[in-house]
Amino acid sequence: MRRCVAVVLAAGRGTRMRAAADVALTPAQAAAADAGHKFLVPIHGRPFLDHVLDELEAAGFDELCLVVAPDSPLLQHGGPLATRRVRLAVQPEPRGGADALLAAEPVVGDGDLVVINADNLYPASVLRGMRELDGPGLAGFDREALVRESNIPPDRVAAFALVREEGGLLAEIVEKPSPETLAAMAGSRVSMTCWRFDASIFDACRDVAPSGRGELELPDAVALAINRGARFRVVPVGAGVLDLSRREDIPVVERLVAARARR
């Protein structure tokens, strides 16, 4: 099996997490939420990032890279990385997911990589499946399973990027689908930023044009790679993912993590 590095994108601003919500939090949870540090929100006494890294290690990854902001508290010694073999990569400015991925290039080198978000807790079985792929791919999540087995309500799932497939391969990622697009693509799977790449993705990330928001977007880099001949297998997933992007997610995620542990 080719060398494969798990890359966790943890350089976001945490804007939605900072927004006020009428939920009961511990002082430590409230402090992390106020700072926008989603990955440091304590879940059963441990930073959320600890749970994310647990799943990656259970999936068989022995090389981990975190992409962080220049002022990230993860750059300080200790915390959830104190006992982990994790390398840090710094994204100098918040210029989008493709730019964040480029920050990890010195760590990954010419190896393969699996890319996930730091504010999502993916099951180890899904991550293992991505690690064991024999080429580039995308986890395509079933919308009904996400609603049923996650803390993600239907209206939030409806805003996720849709996956258009042709013969089991990714043809297009449809970002922020309209109600008309949702109806036309009923039954399509959704993306939750769980990718398997080879090192050629870095050239696409370098060459992609800025989006309308002025950012270098990862889905745009994937589209460019497809135009250049890359093939991404869509791996069907019928499992849930815990999402810690908003303050009101914290109590629900804490309950669901406990339920997972009991199982």
Protein backbone atom coordinates (compact mmCIF):
# COMPACT_ATOMS: atom_id res chain seq x y z
CA MET A 1 0.00 0.00 0.00
CA ARG A 2 1.26 3.44 -0.90
CA ARG A 3 2.23 5.87 1.84
CA CYS A 4 -0.88 7.85 2.81
CA VAL A 5 -0.99 10.88 5.12
CA ALA A 6 -4.15 12.01 6.91
CA VAL A 7 -4.51 15.78 6.48
CA VAL A 8 -6.93 17.54 8.84
CA LEU A 9 -8.03 21.04 7.87
CA ALA A 10 -8.14 23.08 11.10
CA ALA A 11 -7.39 26.64 9.98
CA GLY A 12 -10.96 27.97 9.80
CA ARG A 13 -12.08 31.12 11.59
CA GLY A 14 -14.91 29.41 13.50
CA THR A 15 -17.35 32.23 12.71
CA ARG A 16 -20.49 30.09 13.09
CA MET A 17 -19.23 28.61 16.35
CA ARG A 18 -18.82 32.11 17.84
CA ALA A 19 -22.46 33.04 17.13
CA ALA A 20 -24.71 33.12 20.19
CA ALA A 21 -27.11 30.24 20.87
CA ASP A 22 -29.42 29.37 23.73
CA VAL A 23 -27.66 26.20 24.92
CA ALA A 24 -26.19 25.15 28.25
CA LEU A 25 -22.41 24.76 28.04
CA THR A 26 -19.66 24.21 30.58
CA PRO A 27 -17.32 27.18 31.13
CA ALA A 28 -14.57 25.39 29.16
CA GLN A 29 -16.92 24.67 26.26
CA ALA A 30 -18.16 28.27 26.24
CA ALA A 31 -14.58 29.62 26.23
CA ALA A 32 -13.57 27.47 23.26
CA ALA A 33 -16.77 28.38 21.39
CA ASP A 34 -16.27 32.10 22.08
CA ALA A 35 -12.78 31.87 20.58
CA GLY A 36 -14.05 29.95 17.53
CA HIS A 37 -11.80 27.01 18.39
CA LYS A 38 -14.18 24.22 17.39
CA PHE A 39 -11.51 21.53 17.59
CA LEU A 40 -10.74 22.43 21.24
CA VAL A 41 -14.34 22.27 22.52
CA PRO A 42 -14.26 19.68 25.33
CA ILE A 43 -16.40 16.63 24.62
CA HIS A 44 -16.50 14.38 27.70
CA GLY A 45 -13.44 16.12 29.05
CA ARG A 46 -11.32 15.80 25.91
CA PRO A 47 -10.91 18.26 23.02
CA PHE A 48 -13.04 17.38 20.02
CA LEU A 49 -9.83 17.06 18.00
CA ASP A 50 -8.79 14.18 20.27
CA HIS A 51 -11.83 12.22 19.12
CA VAL A 52 -11.06 13.03 15.46
CA LEU A 53 -7.47 11.81 15.83
CA ASP A 54 -8.67 8.68 17.66
CA GLU A 55 -10.77 7.72 14.62
CA LEU A 56 -7.87 8.37 12.23
CA GLU A 57 -5.52 6.21 14.26
CA ALA A 58 -8.15 3.48 14.53
CA ALA A 59 -8.41 3.62 10.73
CA GLY A 60 -4.70 2.78 10.46
CA PHE A 61 -3.13 6.17 9.78
CA ASP A 62 0.31 6.57 11.29
CA GLU A 63 1.13 9.90 9.62
CA LEU A 64 -1.07 12.83 10.62
CA CYS A 65 -0.86 16.45 9.50
CA LEU A 66 -2.93 19.35 10.84
CA VAL A 67 -3.27 22.51 8.77
CA VAL A 68 -3.65 25.42 11.19
CA ALA A 69 -3.77 29.21 11.24
CA PRO A 70 -0.68 31.21 12.30
CA ASP A 71 -2.31 32.10 15.63
CA SER A 72 -3.66 28.62 16.34
CA PRO A 73 -3.38 27.45 19.96
CA LEU A 74 -2.34 24.09 18.52
CA LEU A 75 1.06 25.63 17.79
CA GLN A 76 1.63 25.78 21.54
CA HIS A 77 3.08 22.73 23.22
CA GLY A 78 0.65 20.34 24.88
CA GLY A 79 -3.10 20.01 24.51
CA PRO A 80 -4.55 17.28 22.29
CA LEU A 81 -1.25 16.86 20.40
CA ALA A 82 0.98 16.28 23.42
CA THR A 83 1.05 12.48 23.04
CA ARG A 84 0.42 12.26 19.26
CA ARG A 85 2.77 11.91 16.33
CA VAL A 86 1.32 14.85 14.43
CA ARG A 87 3.03 17.35 12.16
CA LEU A 88 1.66 20.88 11.84
CA ALA A 89 1.41 22.91 8.65
CA VAL A 90 0.55 26.62 8.77
CA GLN A 91 -1.78 28.29 6.27
CA PRO A 92 -0.56 31.92 6.39
CA GLU A 93 -3.91 33.45 5.39
CA PRO A 94 -7.48 32.06 5.21
CA ARG A 95 -7.58 31.80 1.41
CA GLY A 96 -9.75 28.69 0.96
CA GLY A 97 -9.51 24.92 1.11
CA ALA A 98 -7.20 24.49 -1.90
CA ASP A 99 -4.76 26.97 -0.36
CA ALA A 100 -4.99 25.14 2.98
CA LEU A 101 -4.12 21.89 1.24
CA LEU A 102 -1.04 23.46 -0.34
CA ALA A 103 0.24 24.20 3.16
CA ALA A 104 0.41 20.44 3.74
CA GLU A 105 2.47 19.71 0.61
CA PRO A 106 5.87 19.76 2.40
CA VAL A 107 4.57 17.12 4.82
CA VAL A 108 2.91 14.91 2.22
CA GLY A 109 5.60 15.16 -0.46
CA ASP A 110 4.91 12.70 -3.28
CA GLY A 111 2.70 10.47 -1.13
CA ASP A 112 -1.07 10.11 -1.14
CA LEU A 113 -3.36 11.87 1.29
CA VAL A 114 -6.81 11.62 2.84
CA VAL A 115 -8.30 15.04 3.63
CA ILE A 116 -10.99 15.75 6.23
CA ASN A 117 -12.35 18.69 8.22
CA ALA A 118 -11.38 19.18 11.86
CA ASP A 119 -14.97 19.94 12.87
CA ASN A 120 -16.38 16.63 11.60
CA LEU A 121 -16.09 13.27 13.37
CA TYR A 122 -16.05 10.57 10.70
CA PRO A 123 -16.30 6.87 11.66
CA ALA A 124 -13.03 4.94 11.52
CA SER A 125 -14.63 2.50 9.07
CA VAL A 126 -15.17 5.31 6.54
CA LEU A 127 -11.65 6.66 7.01
CA ARG A 128 -10.17 3.17 6.66
CA GLY A 129 -12.03 2.71 3.41
CA MET A 130 -10.53 5.91 2.05
CA ARG A 131 -7.02 4.94 3.21
CA GLU A 132 -7.31 1.56 1.47
CA LEU A 133 -8.46 2.97 -1.89
CA ASP A 134 -6.07 2.25 -4.74
CA GLY A 135 -6.42 5.75 -6.18
CA PRO A 136 -8.15 9.11 -5.78
CA GLY A 137 -11.71 9.12 -4.49
CA LEU A 138 -14.47 10.84 -2.56
CA ALA A 139 -16.75 9.54 0.17
CA GLY A 140 -20.29 10.06 -1.12
CA PHE A 141 -22.65 10.21 1.85
CA ASP A 142 -26.28 9.13 1.74
CA ARG A 143 -28.44 12.10 2.76
CA GLU A 144 -31.02 10.05 4.66
CA ALA A 145 -28.29 8.26 6.63
CA LEU A 146 -26.72 11.59 7.57
CA VAL A 147 -30.03 12.85 8.96
CA ARG A 148 -30.75 9.55 10.69
CA GLU A 149 -27.32 8.84 12.22
CA SER A 150 -25.82 12.29 12.69
CA ASN A 151 -26.68 15.53 14.45
CA ILE A 152 -27.21 17.25 11.09
CA PRO A 153 -30.78 18.44 10.46
CA PRO A 154 -32.35 18.10 7.00
CA ASP A 155 -32.11 21.81 6.20
CA ARG A 156 -28.37 21.76 6.82
CA VAL A 157 -27.88 18.60 4.75
CA ALA A 158 -29.84 20.28 1.93
CA ALA A 159 -27.09 22.93 1.72
CA PHE A 160 -24.28 20.38 1.32
CA ALA A 161 -22.54 19.91 -2.01
CA LEU A 162 -24.13 17.28 -4.25
CA VAL A 163 -22.15 14.56 -5.99
CA ARG A 164 -22.93 13.87 -9.63
CA GLU A 165 -21.64 10.46 -10.70
CA GLU A 166 -21.09 8.77 -14.02
CA GLY A 167 -20.28 5.08 -13.87
CA GLY A 168 -19.18 5.26 -10.23
CA LEU A 169 -16.80 8.14 -10.94
CA LEU A 170 -17.14 11.76 -9.88
CA ALA A 171 -18.41 13.93 -12.73
CA GLU A 172 -19.18 17.12 -10.82
CA ILE A 173 -19.49 18.64 -7.36
CA VAL A 174 -22.53 20.93 -7.19
CA GLU A 175 -21.96 23.50 -4.45
CA LYS A 176 -24.85 25.17 -2.60
CA PRO A 177 -27.61 23.50 -4.66
CA SER A 178 -30.83 25.40 -5.26
CA PRO A 179 -34.19 23.79 -4.41
CA GLU A 180 -34.63 23.11 -8.13
CA THR A 181 -31.25 21.38 -8.31
CA LEU A 182 -32.04 19.33 -5.20
CA ALA A 183 -35.25 18.15 -6.81
CA ALA A 184 -33.55 17.35 -10.11
CA MET A 185 -30.74 15.44 -8.35
CA ALA A 186 -32.92 13.63 -5.81
CA GLY A 187 -31.09 10.56 -4.56
CA SER A 188 -27.65 12.00 -5.25
CA ARG A 189 -25.02 11.59 -2.58
CA VAL A 190 -23.40 14.52 -0.80
CA SER A 191 -19.84 15.52 -0.05
CA MET A 192 -18.61 16.13 3.47
CA THR A 193 -14.98 16.87 2.54
CA CYS A 194 -13.64 13.33 2.88
CA TRP A 195 -11.23 12.92 -0.04
CA ARG A 196 -8.45 10.60 -1.14
CA PHE A 197 -5.89 12.35 -3.38
CA ASP A 198 -2.55 11.64 -4.94
CA ALA A 199 0.14 14.31 -5.06
CA SER A 200 -1.09 15.67 -8.41
CA ILE A 201 -3.84 17.54 -6.53
CA PHE A 202 -1.22 20.06 -5.40
CA ASP A 203 -0.66 21.25 -8.99
CA ALA A 204 -4.42 21.74 -9.39
CA CYS A 205 -4.54 23.69 -6.10
CA ARG A 206 -1.72 25.93 -7.35
CA ASP A 207 -3.34 26.56 -10.71
CA VAL A 208 -6.99 27.01 -9.75
CA ALA A 209 -8.49 30.47 -10.20
CA PRO A 210 -9.98 32.33 -7.21
CA SER A 211 -13.71 31.87 -6.73
CA GLY A 212 -16.27 34.65 -6.56
CA ARG A 213 -15.40 34.94 -2.88
CA GLY A 214 -11.75 35.51 -3.78
CA GLU A 215 -10.70 32.15 -2.33
CA LEU A 216 -8.97 29.09 -3.76
CA GLU A 217 -11.69 26.48 -3.33
CA LEU A 218 -10.96 22.76 -3.03
CA PRO A 219 -13.96 21.67 -5.17
CA ASP A 220 -12.71 24.00 -7.93
CA ALA A 221 -9.27 22.41 -7.74
CA VAL A 222 -10.91 18.97 -8.03
CA ALA A 223 -12.86 20.15 -11.09
CA LEU A 224 -9.61 21.34 -12.66
CA ALA A 225 -7.97 17.99 -11.90
CA ILE A 226 -10.89 16.17 -13.56
CA ASN A 227 -10.54 18.40 -16.63
CA ARG A 228 -6.88 17.37 -16.75
CA GLY A 229 -7.80 13.68 -16.76
CA ALA A 230 -7.93 12.71 -13.08
CA ARG A 231 -10.52 10.09 -12.10
CA PHE A 232 -12.13 10.09 -8.64
CA ARG A 233 -14.03 7.03 -7.50
CA VAL A 234 -17.17 7.78 -5.49
CA VAL A 235 -17.25 5.51 -2.43
CA PRO A 236 -20.85 5.08 -1.23
CA VAL A 237 -21.24 5.72 2.52
CA GLY A 238 -24.36 4.97 4.54
CA ALA A 239 -23.06 6.20 7.89
CA GLY A 240 -23.40 9.31 10.00
CA VAL A 241 -20.87 12.06 10.66
CA LEU A 242 -20.93 14.25 13.76
CA ASP A 243 -20.71 17.95 12.90
CA LEU A 244 -19.37 20.48 15.42
CA SER A 245 -19.66 23.66 13.38
CA ARG A 246 -22.15 25.56 15.58
CA ARG A 247 -22.48 26.24 19.30
CA GLU A 248 -25.84 24.44 19.45
CA ASP A 249 -24.13 21.27 18.14
CA ILE A 250 -22.06 20.84 21.29
CA PRO A 251 -24.60 19.19 23.65
CA VAL A 252 -25.91 16.92 20.88
CA VAL A 253 -22.43 15.83 19.81
CA GLU A 254 -21.54 15.11 23.42
CA ARG A 255 -24.58 12.86 23.76
CA LEU A 256 -23.94 11.05 20.47
CA VAL A 257 -20.25 10.47 21.25
CA ALA A 258 -21.32 8.81 24.51
CA ALA A 259 -23.82 6.66 22.61
CA ARG A 260 -21.11 5.58 20.14
CA ALA A 261 -18.81 4.62 23.00
CA ARG A 262 -21.53 2.44 24.57
CA ARG A 263 -21.96 0.60 21.26
